[in-house]
Amino acid sequence: MTLKIEPQQSDGRSILRLIGRIGAEHLEELKAQITAATPPVVLDLTEVVILDVDAVRFLVSAERQGIEVSNSSPYIREWMNRIRGSKS
């Protein structure tokens, strides 16, 4: 399974709905989509089924840059919190 990115607009926000698997090989395209989107940007992870450590690090970095990461599963959020804590 690969990553599908569905751009949407809602309430003045650019929502990038991510579907499938996020791996390191998808991050350049995801960065390009974020750059092309009109702020504020939201990454909707409702349909993300699996991701690798590079993708989790990317999500942590994105949040630090003001990008909202929404609808992540509890395991993804916990992984993000662990990575965030390990850099302190």
PDB file of N, CA and C in Angstrom:
ATOM      1  N   MET A   1       0.845  -1.182   0.000  1.00  0.00           N
ATOM      2  CA  MET A   1       0.000   0.000   0.000  1.00  0.00           C
ATOM      3  C   MET A   1       0.883   1.237   0.000  1.00  0.00           C
ATOM      4  N   THR A   2       0.459   2.215  -0.734  1.00  0.00           N
ATOM      5  CA  THR A   2       1.204   3.470  -0.807  1.00  0.00           C
ATOM      6  C   THR A   2       0.399   4.585  -0.157  1.00  0.00           C
ATOM      7  N   LEU A   3       0.946   5.755  -0.221  1.00  0.00           N
ATOM      8  CA  LEU A   3       0.281   6.922   0.355  1.00  0.00           C
ATOM      9  C   LEU A   3      -0.522   7.648  -0.708  1.00  0.00           C
ATOM     10  N   LYS A   4      -1.745   7.973  -0.350  1.00  0.00           N
ATOM     11  CA  LYS A   4      -2.596   8.816  -1.191  1.00  0.00           C
ATOM     12  C   LYS A   4      -2.823  10.108  -0.408  1.00  0.00           C
ATOM     13  N   ILE A   5      -2.673  11.241  -1.089  1.00  0.00           N
ATOM     14  CA  ILE A   5      -2.876  12.546  -0.468  1.00  0.00           C
ATOM     15  C   ILE A   5      -4.045  13.222  -1.158  1.00  0.00           C
ATOM     16  N   GLU A   6      -5.098  13.515  -0.386  1.00  0.00           N
ATOM     17  CA  GLU A   6      -6.277  14.186  -0.930  1.00  0.00           C
ATOM     18  C   GLU A   6      -6.367  15.598  -0.344  1.00  0.00           C
ATOM     19  N   PRO A   7      -6.050  16.622  -1.146  1.00  0.00           N
ATOM     20  CA  PRO A   7      -6.170  17.995  -0.649  1.00  0.00           C
ATOM     21  C   PRO A   7      -7.634  18.431  -0.599  1.00  0.00           C
ATOM     22  N   GLN A   8      -7.990  19.127   0.467  1.00  0.00           N
ATOM     23  CA  GLN A   8      -9.353  19.632   0.648  1.00  0.00           C
ATOM     24  C   GLN A   8      -9.275  21.003   1.296  1.00  0.00           C
ATOM     25  N   GLN A   9     -10.348  21.776   1.166  1.00  0.00           N
ATOM     26  CA  GLN A   9     -10.469  23.069   1.838  1.00  0.00           C
ATOM     27  C   GLN A   9     -11.676  23.008   2.757  1.00  0.00           C
ATOM     28  N   SER A  10     -11.515  23.503   3.978  1.00  0.00           N
ATOM     29  CA  SER A  10     -12.627  23.531   4.920  1.00  0.00           C
ATOM     30  C   SER A  10     -12.401  24.652   5.927  1.00  0.00           C
ATOM     31  N   ASP A  11     -13.373  25.517   6.066  1.00  0.00           N
ATOM     32  CA  ASP A  11     -13.308  26.616   7.039  1.00  0.00           C
ATOM     33  C   ASP A  11     -12.010  27.417   6.938  1.00  0.00           C
ATOM     34  N   GLY A  12     -11.568  27.687   5.715  1.00  0.00           N
ATOM     35  CA  GLY A  12     -10.378  28.482   5.509  1.00  0.00           C
ATOM     36  C   GLY A  12      -9.070  27.760   5.783  1.00  0.00           C
ATOM     37  N   ARG A  13      -9.145  26.454   5.961  1.00  0.00           N
ATOM     38  CA  ARG A  13      -7.943  25.660   6.221  1.00  0.00           C
ATOM     39  C   ARG A  13      -7.687  24.716   5.052  1.00  0.00           C
ATOM     40  N   SER A  14      -6.415  24.459   4.790  1.00  0.00           N
ATOM     41  CA  SER A  14      -6.031  23.466   3.791  1.00  0.00           C
ATOM     42  C   SER A  14      -5.831  22.142   4.517  1.00  0.00           C
ATOM     43  N   ILE A  15      -6.655  21.180   4.181  1.00  0.00           N
ATOM     44  CA  ILE A  15      -6.570  19.870   4.822  1.00  0.00           C
ATOM     45  C   ILE A  15      -5.972  18.890   3.824  1.00  0.00           C
ATOM     46  N   LEU A  16      -4.917  18.218   4.251  1.00  0.00           N
ATOM     47  CA  LEU A  16      -4.332  17.155   3.444  1.00  0.00           C
ATOM     48  C   LEU A  16      -4.722  15.840   4.110  1.00  0.00           C
ATOM     49  N   ARG A  17      -5.665  15.172   3.486  1.00  0.00           N
ATOM     50  CA  ARG A  17      -6.138  13.890   4.013  1.00  0.00           C
ATOM     51  C   ARG A  17      -5.185  12.807   3.529  1.00  0.00           C
ATOM     52  N   LEU A  18      -4.530  12.137   4.475  1.00  0.00           N
ATOM     53  CA  LEU A  18      -3.543  11.123   4.148  1.00  0.00           C
ATOM     54  C   LEU A  18      -4.169   9.745   4.300  1.00  0.00           C
ATOM     55  N   ILE A  19      -3.966   8.906   3.286  1.00  0.00           N
ATOM     56  CA  ILE A  19      -4.594   7.594   3.262  1.00  0.00           C
ATOM     57  C   ILE A  19      -3.534   6.551   2.952  1.00  0.00           C
ATOM     58  N   GLY A  20      -3.460   5.528   3.795  1.00  0.00           N
ATOM     59  CA  GLY A  20      -2.553   4.417   3.537  1.00  0.00           C
ATOM     60  C   GLY A  20      -1.349   4.417   4.445  1.00  0.00           C
ATOM     61  N   ARG A  21      -0.193   4.221   3.837  1.00  0.00           N
ATOM     62  CA  ARG A  21       1.070   4.082   4.555  1.00  0.00           C
ATOM     63  C   ARG A  21       1.958   5.286   4.270  1.00  0.00           C
ATOM     64  N   ILE A  22       2.559   5.849   5.333  1.00  0.00           N
ATOM     65  CA  ILE A  22       3.499   6.958   5.158  1.00  0.00           C
ATOM     66  C   ILE A  22       4.901   6.430   5.443  1.00  0.00           C
ATOM     67  N   GLY A  23       5.743   6.492   4.444  1.00  0.00           N
ATOM     68  CA  GLY A  23       7.129   6.078   4.602  1.00  0.00           C
ATOM     69  C   GLY A  23       8.066   7.200   4.200  1.00  0.00           C
ATOM     70  N   ALA A  24       9.333   7.005   4.468  1.00  0.00           N
ATOM     71  CA  ALA A  24      10.343   8.011   4.133  1.00  0.00           C
ATOM     72  C   ALA A  24      10.279   8.392   2.660  1.00  0.00           C
ATOM     73  N   GLU A  25       9.934   7.440   1.805  1.00  0.00           N
ATOM     74  CA  GLU A  25       9.877   7.703   0.372  1.00  0.00           C
ATOM     75  C   GLU A  25       8.748   8.646  -0.028  1.00  0.00           C
ATOM     76  N   HIS A  26       7.808   8.907   0.876  1.00  0.00           N
ATOM     77  CA  HIS A  26       6.670   9.792   0.589  1.00  0.00           C
ATOM     78  C   HIS A  26       6.865  11.209   1.111  1.00  0.00           C
ATOM     79  N   LEU A  27       7.891  11.434   1.897  1.00  0.00           N
ATOM     80  CA  LEU A  27       8.015  12.709   2.602  1.00  0.00           C
ATOM     81  C   LEU A  27       8.283  13.895   1.683  1.00  0.00           C
ATOM     82  N   GLU A  28       9.039  13.717   0.628  1.00  0.00           N
ATOM     83  CA  GLU A  28       9.289  14.836  -0.294  1.00  0.00           C
ATOM     84  C   GLU A  28       7.985  15.297  -0.947  1.00  0.00           C
ATOM     85  N   GLU A  29       7.155  14.365  -1.367  1.00  0.00           N
ATOM     86  CA  GLU A  29       5.859  14.728  -1.971  1.00  0.00           C
ATOM     87  C   GLU A  29       4.963  15.396  -0.937  1.00  0.00           C
ATOM     88  N   LEU A  30       4.963  14.882   0.272  1.00  0.00           N
ATOM     89  CA  LEU A  30       4.149  15.479   1.327  1.00  0.00           C
ATOM     90  C   LEU A  30       4.619  16.902   1.623  1.00  0.00           C
ATOM     91  N   LYS A  31       5.934  17.106   1.680  1.00  0.00           N
ATOM     92  CA  LYS A  31       6.472  18.458   1.881  1.00  0.00           C
ATOM     93  C   LYS A  31       6.046  19.394   0.751  1.00  0.00           C
ATOM     94  N   ALA A  32       6.076  18.906  -0.479  1.00  0.00           N
ATOM     95  CA  ALA A  32       5.671  19.717  -1.632  1.00  0.00           C
ATOM     96  C   ALA A  32       4.195  20.093  -1.536  1.00  0.00           C
ATOM     97  N   GLN A  33       3.369  19.156  -1.115  1.00  0.00           N
ATOM     98  CA  GLN A  33       1.925  19.429  -0.970  1.00  0.00           C
ATOM     99  C   GLN A  33       1.688  20.465   0.128  1.00  0.00           C
ATOM    100  N   ILE A  34       2.430  20.361   1.218  1.00  0.00           N
ATOM    101  CA  ILE A  34       2.296  21.332   2.311  1.00  0.00           C
ATOM    102  C   ILE A  34       2.719  22.718   1.834  1.00  0.00           C
ATOM    103  N   THR A  35       3.822  22.786   1.113  1.00  0.00           N
ATOM    104  CA  THR A  35       4.315  24.069   0.597  1.00  0.00           C
ATOM    105  C   THR A  35       3.316  24.702  -0.361  1.00  0.00           C
ATOM    106  N   ALA A  36       2.650  23.884  -1.166  1.00  0.00           N
ATOM    107  CA  ALA A  36       1.688  24.394  -2.145  1.00  0.00           C
ATOM    108  C   ALA A  36       0.349  24.792  -1.516  1.00  0.00           C
ATOM    109  N   ALA A  37       0.082  24.301  -0.324  1.00  0.00           N
ATOM    110  CA  ALA A  37      -1.201  24.562   0.332  1.00  0.00           C
ATOM    111  C   ALA A  37      -1.221  25.961   0.946  1.00  0.00           C
ATOM    112  N   THR A  38      -2.410  26.516   1.040  1.00  0.00           N
ATOM    113  CA  THR A  38      -2.602  27.803   1.689  1.00  0.00           C
ATOM    114  C   THR A  38      -2.741  27.593   3.193  1.00  0.00           C
ATOM    115  N   PRO A  39      -1.917  28.275   4.003  1.00  0.00           N
ATOM    116  CA  PRO A  39      -2.017  28.114   5.459  1.00  0.00           C
ATOM    117  C   PRO A  39      -3.356  28.601   5.984  1.00  0.00           C
ATOM    118  N   PRO A  40      -3.802  28.093   7.106  1.00  0.00           N
ATOM    119  CA  PRO A  40      -3.193  27.039   7.904  1.00  0.00           C
ATOM    120  C   PRO A  40      -3.406  25.655   7.276  1.00  0.00           C
ATOM    121  N   VAL A  41      -2.443  24.774   7.534  1.00  0.00           N
ATOM    122  CA  VAL A  41      -2.465  23.427   6.976  1.00  0.00           C
ATOM    123  C   VAL A  41      -2.746  22.422   8.081  1.00  0.00           C
ATOM    124  N   VAL A  42      -3.598  21.455   7.754  1.00  0.00           N
ATOM    125  CA  VAL A  42      -3.929  20.363   8.668  1.00  0.00           C
ATOM    126  C   VAL A  42      -3.604  19.055   7.970  1.00  0.00           C
ATOM    127  N   LEU A  43      -2.903  18.170   8.661  1.00  0.00           N
ATOM    128  CA  LEU A  43      -2.671  16.818   8.163  1.00  0.00           C
ATOM    129  C   LEU A  43      -3.661  15.904   8.865  1.00  0.00           C
ATOM    130  N   ASP A  44      -4.593  15.346   8.107  1.00  0.00           N
ATOM    131  CA  ASP A  44      -5.624  14.468   8.651  1.00  0.00           C
ATOM    132  C   ASP A  44      -5.157  13.025   8.497  1.00  0.00           C
ATOM    133  N   LEU A  45      -4.896  12.357   9.620  1.00  0.00           N
ATOM    134  CA  LEU A  45      -4.359  11.003   9.618  1.00  0.00           C
ATOM    135  C   LEU A  45      -5.420   9.931   9.860  1.00  0.00           C
ATOM    136  N   THR A  46      -6.691  10.270   9.700  1.00  0.00           N
ATOM    137  CA  THR A  46      -7.768   9.328   9.980  1.00  0.00           C
ATOM    138  C   THR A  46      -7.550   7.977   9.307  1.00  0.00           C
ATOM    139  N   GLU A  47      -7.090   7.978   8.060  1.00  0.00           N
ATOM    140  CA  GLU A  47      -6.976   6.732   7.311  1.00  0.00           C
ATOM    141  C   GLU A  47      -5.537   6.254   7.116  1.00  0.00           C
ATOM    142  N   VAL A  48      -4.635   6.720   7.980  1.00  0.00           N
ATOM    143  CA  VAL A  48      -3.255   6.223   7.931  1.00  0.00           C
ATOM    144  C   VAL A  48      -3.224   4.893   8.680  1.00  0.00           C
ATOM    145  N   VAL A  49      -2.718   3.862   8.011  1.00  0.00           N
ATOM    146  CA  VAL A  49      -2.709   2.532   8.623  1.00  0.00           C
ATOM    147  C   VAL A  49      -1.353   2.153   9.204  1.00  0.00           C
ATOM    148  N   ILE A  50      -0.290   2.706   8.659  1.00  0.00           N
ATOM    149  CA  ILE A  50       1.049   2.396   9.166  1.00  0.00           C
ATOM    150  C   ILE A  50       1.998   3.496   8.720  1.00  0.00           C
ATOM    151  N   LEU A  51       3.050   3.697   9.487  1.00  0.00           N
ATOM    152  CA  LEU A  51       4.063   4.663   9.109  1.00  0.00           C
ATOM    153  C   LEU A  51       5.394   4.236   9.709  1.00  0.00           C
ATOM    154  N   ASP A  52       6.480   4.797   9.160  1.00  0.00           N
ATOM    155  CA  ASP A  52       7.799   4.446   9.674  1.00  0.00           C
ATOM    156  C   ASP A  52       8.325   5.576  10.548  1.00  0.00           C
ATOM    157  N   VAL A  53       9.485   5.342  11.169  1.00  0.00           N
ATOM    158  CA  VAL A  53      10.039   6.306  12.120  1.00  0.00           C
ATOM    159  C   VAL A  53      10.348   7.642  11.456  1.00  0.00           C
ATOM    160  N   ASP A  54      10.774   7.637  10.200  1.00  0.00           N
ATOM    161  CA  ASP A  54      11.032   8.907   9.515  1.00  0.00           C
ATOM    162  C   ASP A  54       9.751   9.719   9.370  1.00  0.00           C
ATOM    163  N   ALA A  55       8.653   9.056   9.104  1.00  0.00           N
ATOM    164  CA  ALA A  55       7.368   9.742   8.979  1.00  0.00           C
ATOM    165  C   ALA A  55       6.933  10.322  10.327  1.00  0.00           C
ATOM    166  N   VAL A  56       7.154   9.582  11.404  1.00  0.00           N
ATOM    167  CA  VAL A  56       6.789  10.088  12.727  1.00  0.00           C
ATOM    168  C   VAL A  56       7.638  11.309  13.074  1.00  0.00           C
ATOM    169  N   ARG A  57       8.930  11.251  12.779  1.00  0.00           N
ATOM    170  CA  ARG A  57       9.797  12.411  13.021  1.00  0.00           C
ATOM    171  C   ARG A  57       9.330  13.612  12.196  1.00  0.00           C
ATOM    172  N   PHE A  58       8.904  13.361  10.973  1.00  0.00           N
ATOM    173  CA  PHE A  58       8.384  14.424  10.116  1.00  0.00           C
ATOM    174  C   PHE A  58       7.139  15.057  10.747  1.00  0.00           C
ATOM    175  N   LEU A  59       6.226  14.237  11.275  1.00  0.00           N
ATOM    176  CA  LEU A  59       5.009  14.755  11.895  1.00  0.00           C
ATOM    177  C   LEU A  59       5.330  15.617  13.116  1.00  0.00           C
ATOM    178  N   VAL A  60       6.303  15.191  13.915  1.00  0.00           N
ATOM    179  CA  VAL A  60       6.720  15.982  15.077  1.00  0.00           C
ATOM    180  C   VAL A  60       7.266  17.327  14.611  1.00  0.00           C
ATOM    181  N   SER A  61       8.102  17.301  13.593  1.00  0.00           N
ATOM    182  CA  SER A  61       8.662  18.536  13.040  1.00  0.00           C
ATOM    183  C   SER A  61       7.570  19.430  12.472  1.00  0.00           C
ATOM    184  N   ALA A  62       6.606  18.835  11.794  1.00  0.00           N
ATOM    185  CA  ALA A  62       5.506  19.605  11.216  1.00  0.00           C
ATOM    186  C   ALA A  62       4.724  20.328  12.305  1.00  0.00           C
ATOM    187  N   GLU A  63       4.439  19.633  13.405  1.00  0.00           N
ATOM    188  CA  GLU A  63       3.720  20.282  14.505  1.00  0.00           C
ATOM    189  C   GLU A  63       4.524  21.444  15.075  1.00  0.00           C
ATOM    190  N   ARG A  64       5.823  21.277  15.178  1.00  0.00           N
ATOM    191  CA  ARG A  64       6.680  22.358  15.690  1.00  0.00           C
ATOM    192  C   ARG A  64       6.629  23.573  14.777  1.00  0.00           C
ATOM    193  N   GLN A  65       6.332  23.362  13.503  1.00  0.00           N
ATOM    194  CA  GLN A  65       6.250  24.446  12.530  1.00  0.00           C
ATOM    195  C   GLN A  65       4.834  25.013  12.424  1.00  0.00           C
ATOM    196  N   GLY A  66       3.923  24.551  13.278  1.00  0.00           N
ATOM    197  CA  GLY A  66       2.574  25.095  13.308  1.00  0.00           C
ATOM    198  C   GLY A  66       1.559  24.359  12.459  1.00  0.00           C
ATOM    199  N   ILE A  67       1.945  23.223  11.907  1.00  0.00           N
ATOM    200  CA  ILE A  67       1.011  22.413  11.126  1.00  0.00           C
ATOM    201  C   ILE A  67       0.249  21.509  12.084  1.00  0.00           C
ATOM    202  N   GLU A  68      -1.064  21.513  11.972  1.00  0.00           N
ATOM    203  CA  GLU A  68      -1.882  20.678  12.844  1.00  0.00           C
ATOM    204  C   GLU A  68      -1.889  19.238  12.337  1.00  0.00           C
ATOM    205  N   VAL A  69      -1.661  18.306  13.240  1.00  0.00           N
ATOM    206  CA  VAL A  69      -1.765  16.880  12.929  1.00  0.00           C
ATOM    207  C   VAL A  69      -3.017  16.395  13.649  1.00  0.00           C
ATOM    208  N   SER A  70      -4.030  16.003  12.877  1.00  0.00           N
ATOM    209  CA  SER A  70      -5.303  15.642  13.494  1.00  0.00           C
ATOM    210  C   SER A  70      -5.692  14.202  13.186  1.00  0.00           C
ATOM    211  N   ASN A  71      -6.553  13.685  14.038  1.00  0.00           N
ATOM    212  CA  ASN A  71      -7.159  12.371  13.880  1.00  0.00           C
ATOM    213  C   ASN A  71      -6.145  11.239  13.785  1.00  0.00           C
ATOM    214  N   SER A  72      -5.046  11.367  14.515  1.00  0.00           N
ATOM    215  CA  SER A  72      -4.071  10.272  14.524  1.00  0.00           C
ATOM    216  C   SER A  72      -4.535   9.210  15.516  1.00  0.00           C
ATOM    217  N   SER A  73      -4.156   7.991  15.242  1.00  0.00           N
ATOM    218  CA  SER A  73      -4.498   6.914  16.163  1.00  0.00           C
ATOM    219  C   SER A  73      -3.680   7.088  17.446  1.00  0.00           C
ATOM    220  N   PRO A  74      -4.132   6.496  18.536  1.00  0.00           N
ATOM    221  CA  PRO A  74      -3.381   6.639  19.799  1.00  0.00           C
ATOM    222  C   PRO A  74      -1.932   6.163  19.704  1.00  0.00           C
ATOM    223  N   TYR A  75      -1.679   5.102  18.946  1.00  0.00           N
ATOM    224  CA  TYR A  75      -0.298   4.618  18.863  1.00  0.00           C
ATOM    225  C   TYR A  75       0.599   5.622  18.134  1.00  0.00           C
ATOM    226  N   ILE A  76       0.071   6.309  17.129  1.00  0.00           N
ATOM    227  CA  ILE A  76       0.863   7.320  16.424  1.00  0.00           C
ATOM    228  C   ILE A  76       1.153   8.498  17.354  1.00  0.00           C
ATOM    229  N   ARG A  77       0.132   8.948  18.069  1.00  0.00           N
ATOM    230  CA  ARG A  77       0.315  10.082  18.987  1.00  0.00           C
ATOM    231  C   ARG A  77       1.326   9.721  20.073  1.00  0.00           C
ATOM    232  N   GLU A  78       1.253   8.509  20.609  1.00  0.00           N
ATOM    233  CA  GLU A  78       2.198   8.073  21.640  1.00  0.00           C
ATOM    234  C   GLU A  78       3.623   8.037  21.082  1.00  0.00           C
ATOM    235  N   TRP A  79       3.771   7.526  19.870  1.00  0.00           N
ATOM    236  CA  TRP A  79       5.081   7.465  19.223  1.00  0.00           C
ATOM    237  C   TRP A  79       5.632   8.874  19.025  1.00  0.00           C
ATOM    238  N   MET A  80       4.778   9.792  18.588  1.00  0.00           N
ATOM    239  CA  MET A  80       5.201  11.189  18.414  1.00  0.00           C
ATOM    240  C   MET A  80       5.655  11.776  19.755  1.00  0.00           C
ATOM    241  N   ASN A  81       4.903  11.505  20.812  1.00  0.00           N
ATOM    242  CA  ASN A  81       5.268  12.016  22.133  1.00  0.00           C
ATOM    243  C   ASN A  81       6.600  11.455  22.601  1.00  0.00           C
ATOM    244  N   ARG A  82       6.864  10.194  22.321  1.00  0.00           N
ATOM    245  CA  ARG A  82       8.141   9.588  22.709  1.00  0.00           C
ATOM    246  C   ARG A  82       9.299  10.231  21.953  1.00  0.00           C
ATOM    247  N   ILE A  83       9.111  10.446  20.664  1.00  0.00           N
ATOM    248  CA  ILE A  83      10.165  11.092  19.876  1.00  0.00           C
ATOM    249  C   ILE A  83      10.382  12.521  20.351  1.00  0.00           C
ATOM    250  N   ARG A  84       9.303  13.216  20.594  1.00  0.00           N
ATOM    251  CA  ARG A  84       9.404  14.591  21.085  1.00  0.00           C
ATOM    252  C   ARG A  84      10.152  14.628  22.417  1.00  0.00           C
ATOM    253  N   GLY A  85       9.859  13.675  23.303  1.00  0.00           N
ATOM    254  CA  GLY A  85      10.513  13.611  24.609  1.00  0.00           C
ATOM    255  C   GLY A  85      11.962  13.223  24.533  1.00  0.00           C
ATOM    256  N   SER A  86      12.336  12.429  23.558  1.00  0.00           N
ATOM    257  CA  SER A  86      13.725  11.976  23.460  1.00  0.00           C
ATOM    258  C   SER A  86      14.652  13.079  22.966  1.00  0.00           C
ATOM    259  N   LYS A  87      14.102  14.152  22.402  1.00  0.00           N
ATOM    260  CA  LYS A  87      14.924  15.253  21.888  1.00  0.00           C
ATOM    261  C   LYS A  87      15.090  16.358  22.908  1.00  0.00           C
ATOM    262  N   SER A  88      14.519  16.184  24.084  1.00  0.00           N
ATOM    263  CA  SER A  88      14.630  17.221  25.127  1.00  0.00           C
ATOM    264  C   SER A  88      15.975  17.190  25.785  1.00  0.00           C
TER     265      SER A  88
END
